[in-house]
């Protein structure tokens, strides 16, 4: 099968399937060339406590800055 025969089918694929196709092709090429692939590290589980108060502290800093600026105008 030639690229010209495959290309119309590939063009009609959704983006996610195109990315998966590229991934599969790269894995196949690496296997044929004897290249060991590294699997991506497992993602850290989401911990919302890590982000609690992050936006609040910057808001407090902005409010303090604005309050200081207002005092200078009075």
N, C-alpha and C. Protein backbone atom coordinates (compact mmCIF):
# COMPACT_ATOMS: atom_id res chain seq x y z
N UNK A 1 0.85 -1.17 0.00
CA UNK A 1 0.00 0.00 0.00
C UNK A 1 0.90 1.24 0.00
N UNK A 2 0.58 2.20 -0.82
CA UNK A 2 1.41 3.40 -0.92
C UNK A 2 0.84 4.53 -0.06
N UNK A 3 1.66 5.55 0.14
CA UNK A 3 1.24 6.71 0.92
C UNK A 3 0.06 7.40 0.23
N UNK A 4 0.09 7.46 -1.10
CA UNK A 4 -1.00 8.10 -1.84
C UNK A 4 -2.33 7.39 -1.59
N UNK A 5 -2.29 6.09 -1.37
CA UNK A 5 -3.53 5.34 -1.10
C UNK A 5 -4.01 5.55 0.34
N UNK A 6 -3.07 5.72 1.26
CA UNK A 6 -3.41 5.86 2.68
C UNK A 6 -3.81 7.29 3.03
N UNK A 7 -3.21 8.27 2.38
CA UNK A 7 -3.37 9.67 2.75
C UNK A 7 -4.83 10.14 2.83
N UNK A 8 -5.70 9.81 1.89
CA UNK A 8 -7.10 10.26 2.02
C UNK A 8 -7.77 9.76 3.30
N UNK A 9 -7.45 8.54 3.70
CA UNK A 9 -8.02 8.00 4.94
C UNK A 9 -7.47 8.72 6.15
N UNK A 10 -6.17 9.04 6.12
CA UNK A 10 -5.54 9.73 7.25
C UNK A 10 -6.10 11.15 7.37
N UNK A 11 -6.30 11.81 6.25
CA UNK A 11 -6.81 13.19 6.26
C UNK A 11 -8.19 13.24 6.90
N UNK A 12 -8.99 12.22 6.71
CA UNK A 12 -10.36 12.23 7.25
C UNK A 12 -10.42 11.88 8.74
N UNK A 13 -9.32 11.46 9.34
CA UNK A 13 -9.31 11.11 10.76
C UNK A 13 -9.45 12.34 11.64
N UNK A 14 -10.06 12.20 12.82
CA UNK A 14 -10.06 13.31 13.78
C UNK A 14 -8.64 13.54 14.32
N UNK A 15 -8.42 14.72 14.90
CA UNK A 15 -7.08 15.07 15.38
C UNK A 15 -6.52 14.05 16.36
N UNK A 16 -7.34 13.59 17.29
CA UNK A 16 -6.88 12.65 18.30
C UNK A 16 -6.38 11.36 17.65
N UNK A 17 -7.09 10.89 16.64
CA UNK A 17 -6.67 9.67 15.95
C UNK A 17 -5.40 9.89 15.14
N UNK A 18 -5.24 11.09 14.58
CA UNK A 18 -4.00 11.39 13.86
C UNK A 18 -2.81 11.37 14.80
N UNK A 19 -2.97 11.95 16.00
CA UNK A 19 -1.88 11.92 16.97
C UNK A 19 -1.56 10.48 17.38
N UNK A 20 -2.59 9.68 17.58
CA UNK A 20 -2.38 8.28 17.95
C UNK A 20 -1.67 7.54 16.82
N UNK A 21 -2.03 7.82 15.58
CA UNK A 21 -1.38 7.19 14.43
C UNK A 21 0.10 7.55 14.38
N UNK A 22 0.41 8.82 14.59
CA UNK A 22 1.81 9.25 14.60
C UNK A 22 2.56 8.56 15.72
N UNK A 23 1.94 8.45 16.89
CA UNK A 23 2.58 7.78 18.02
C UNK A 23 2.87 6.32 17.68
N UNK A 24 1.91 5.64 17.09
CA UNK A 24 2.11 4.25 16.72
C UNK A 24 3.22 4.09 15.68
N UNK A 25 3.25 5.00 14.70
CA UNK A 25 4.30 4.94 13.68
C UNK A 25 5.68 5.16 14.28
N UNK A 26 5.79 6.12 15.18
CA UNK A 26 7.09 6.38 15.82
C UNK A 26 7.53 5.20 16.69
N UNK A 27 6.59 4.59 17.39
CA UNK A 27 6.92 3.41 18.19
C UNK A 27 7.40 2.27 17.29
N UNK A 28 6.74 2.08 16.16
CA UNK A 28 7.13 1.03 15.22
C UNK A 28 8.53 1.30 14.65
N UNK A 29 8.80 2.55 14.27
CA UNK A 29 10.13 2.90 13.75
C UNK A 29 11.20 2.69 14.81
N UNK A 30 10.92 3.06 16.03
CA UNK A 30 11.89 2.88 17.11
C UNK A 30 12.15 1.40 17.35
N UNK A 31 11.10 0.59 17.31
CA UNK A 31 11.26 -0.85 17.51
C UNK A 31 12.11 -1.45 16.39
N UNK A 32 11.87 -1.03 15.15
CA UNK A 32 12.64 -1.54 14.01
C UNK A 32 14.11 -1.15 14.10
N UNK A 33 14.38 0.04 14.64
CA UNK A 33 15.76 0.51 14.76
C UNK A 33 16.42 0.06 16.06
N UNK A 34 15.68 -0.65 16.90
CA UNK A 34 16.24 -1.14 18.15
C UNK A 34 16.44 -0.07 19.20
N UNK A 35 15.63 0.98 19.14
CA UNK A 35 15.73 2.07 20.11
C UNK A 35 14.75 1.79 21.24
N UNK A 36 15.28 1.82 22.47
CA UNK A 36 14.41 1.61 23.63
C UNK A 36 13.68 2.91 23.94
N UNK A 37 12.38 2.82 24.03
CA UNK A 37 11.58 4.00 24.33
C UNK A 37 11.37 4.12 25.83
N UNK A 38 11.40 5.36 26.30
CA UNK A 38 11.12 5.61 27.71
C UNK A 38 9.65 5.94 27.85
N UNK A 39 9.01 5.28 28.78
CA UNK A 39 7.60 5.60 29.01
C UNK A 39 7.54 6.86 29.87
N UNK A 40 6.53 7.69 29.64
CA UNK A 40 6.43 8.92 30.43
C UNK A 40 6.18 8.59 31.90
N UNK A 41 6.67 9.43 32.80
CA UNK A 41 6.44 9.17 34.22
C UNK A 41 4.96 9.28 34.56
N UNK A 42 4.57 8.53 35.56
CA UNK A 42 3.17 8.59 36.01
C UNK A 42 2.90 9.98 36.57
N UNK A 43 1.79 10.58 36.18
CA UNK A 43 1.48 11.92 36.69
C UNK A 43 1.17 11.87 38.19
N UNK A 44 1.49 12.96 38.86
CA UNK A 44 1.17 13.07 40.28
C UNK A 44 -0.35 13.19 40.42
N UNK A 45 -0.93 12.55 41.43
CA UNK A 45 -2.37 12.73 41.62
C UNK A 45 -2.66 14.18 42.00
N UNK A 46 -3.78 14.68 41.53
CA UNK A 46 -4.13 16.07 41.79
C UNK A 46 -4.44 16.27 43.26
N UNK A 47 -3.81 17.26 43.86
CA UNK A 47 -4.03 17.59 45.26
C UNK A 47 -4.48 19.05 45.33
N UNK A 48 -5.78 19.30 45.52
CA UNK A 48 -6.25 20.69 45.53
C UNK A 48 -5.70 21.50 46.69
N UNK A 49 -5.29 20.84 47.77
CA UNK A 49 -4.73 21.56 48.92
C UNK A 49 -3.44 22.28 48.55
N UNK A 50 -2.74 21.76 47.56
CA UNK A 50 -1.50 22.39 47.11
C UNK A 50 -1.76 23.78 46.55
N UNK A 51 -2.95 24.00 46.00
CA UNK A 51 -3.27 25.26 45.36
C UNK A 51 -4.19 26.16 46.19
N UNK A 52 -4.60 25.69 47.35
CA UNK A 52 -5.53 26.46 48.16
C UNK A 52 -4.89 27.76 48.61
N UNK A 53 -5.55 28.86 48.36
CA UNK A 53 -5.07 30.16 48.80
C UNK A 53 -4.08 30.83 47.87
N UNK A 54 -3.69 30.20 46.79
CA UNK A 54 -2.71 30.80 45.88
C UNK A 54 -3.26 32.08 45.27
N UNK A 55 -4.45 32.01 44.73
CA UNK A 55 -5.04 33.20 44.12
C UNK A 55 -5.43 34.21 45.18
N UNK A 56 -5.82 33.73 46.34
CA UNK A 56 -6.26 34.62 47.42
C UNK A 56 -5.11 35.50 47.90
N UNK A 57 -3.91 34.94 48.00
CA UNK A 57 -2.79 35.74 48.50
C UNK A 57 -2.43 36.85 47.52
N UNK A 58 -2.46 36.56 46.23
CA UNK A 58 -2.13 37.61 45.27
C UNK A 58 -3.22 38.69 45.27
N UNK A 59 -4.44 38.31 45.49
CA UNK A 59 -5.54 39.28 45.58
C UNK A 59 -5.33 40.19 46.79
N UNK A 60 -4.88 39.61 47.89
CA UNK A 60 -4.60 40.40 49.09
C UNK A 60 -3.49 41.41 48.83
N UNK A 61 -2.47 40.98 48.10
CA UNK A 61 -1.37 41.89 47.79
C UNK A 61 -1.85 43.05 46.93
N UNK A 62 -2.69 42.77 45.95
CA UNK A 62 -3.23 43.82 45.09
C UNK A 62 -4.09 44.77 45.91
N UNK A 63 -4.94 44.22 46.78
CA UNK A 63 -5.79 45.07 47.61
C UNK A 63 -4.95 45.96 48.53
N UNK A 64 -3.88 45.41 49.09
CA UNK A 64 -3.01 46.21 49.97
C UNK A 64 -2.33 47.32 49.18
N UNK A 65 -1.89 47.01 47.97
CA UNK A 65 -1.25 48.01 47.12
C UNK A 65 -2.23 49.14 46.80
N UNK A 66 -3.45 48.78 46.42
CA UNK A 66 -4.45 49.80 46.09
C UNK A 66 -4.80 50.64 47.31
N UNK A 67 -4.89 50.02 48.47
CA UNK A 67 -5.18 50.77 49.70
C UNK A 67 -4.06 51.75 49.99
N UNK A 68 -2.81 51.34 49.81
CA UNK A 68 -1.67 52.25 50.03
C UNK A 68 -1.71 53.41 49.05
N UNK A 69 -2.08 53.14 47.82
CA UNK A 69 -2.13 54.19 46.81
C UNK A 69 -3.25 55.19 47.13
N UNK A 70 -4.38 54.70 47.63
CA UNK A 70 -5.50 55.58 47.97
C UNK A 70 -5.13 56.50 49.12
N UNK A 71 -4.38 55.98 50.07
CA UNK A 71 -3.97 56.80 51.22
C UNK A 71 -3.11 57.97 50.78
N UNK A 72 -2.32 57.78 49.75
CA UNK A 72 -1.46 58.85 49.25
C UNK A 72 -2.25 59.97 48.60
N UNK A 73 -3.47 59.70 48.12
CA UNK A 73 -4.28 60.71 47.45
C UNK A 73 -5.14 61.50 48.42
N UNK A 74 -5.22 61.08 49.65
CA UNK A 74 -6.11 61.76 50.60
C UNK A 74 -5.39 62.83 51.36
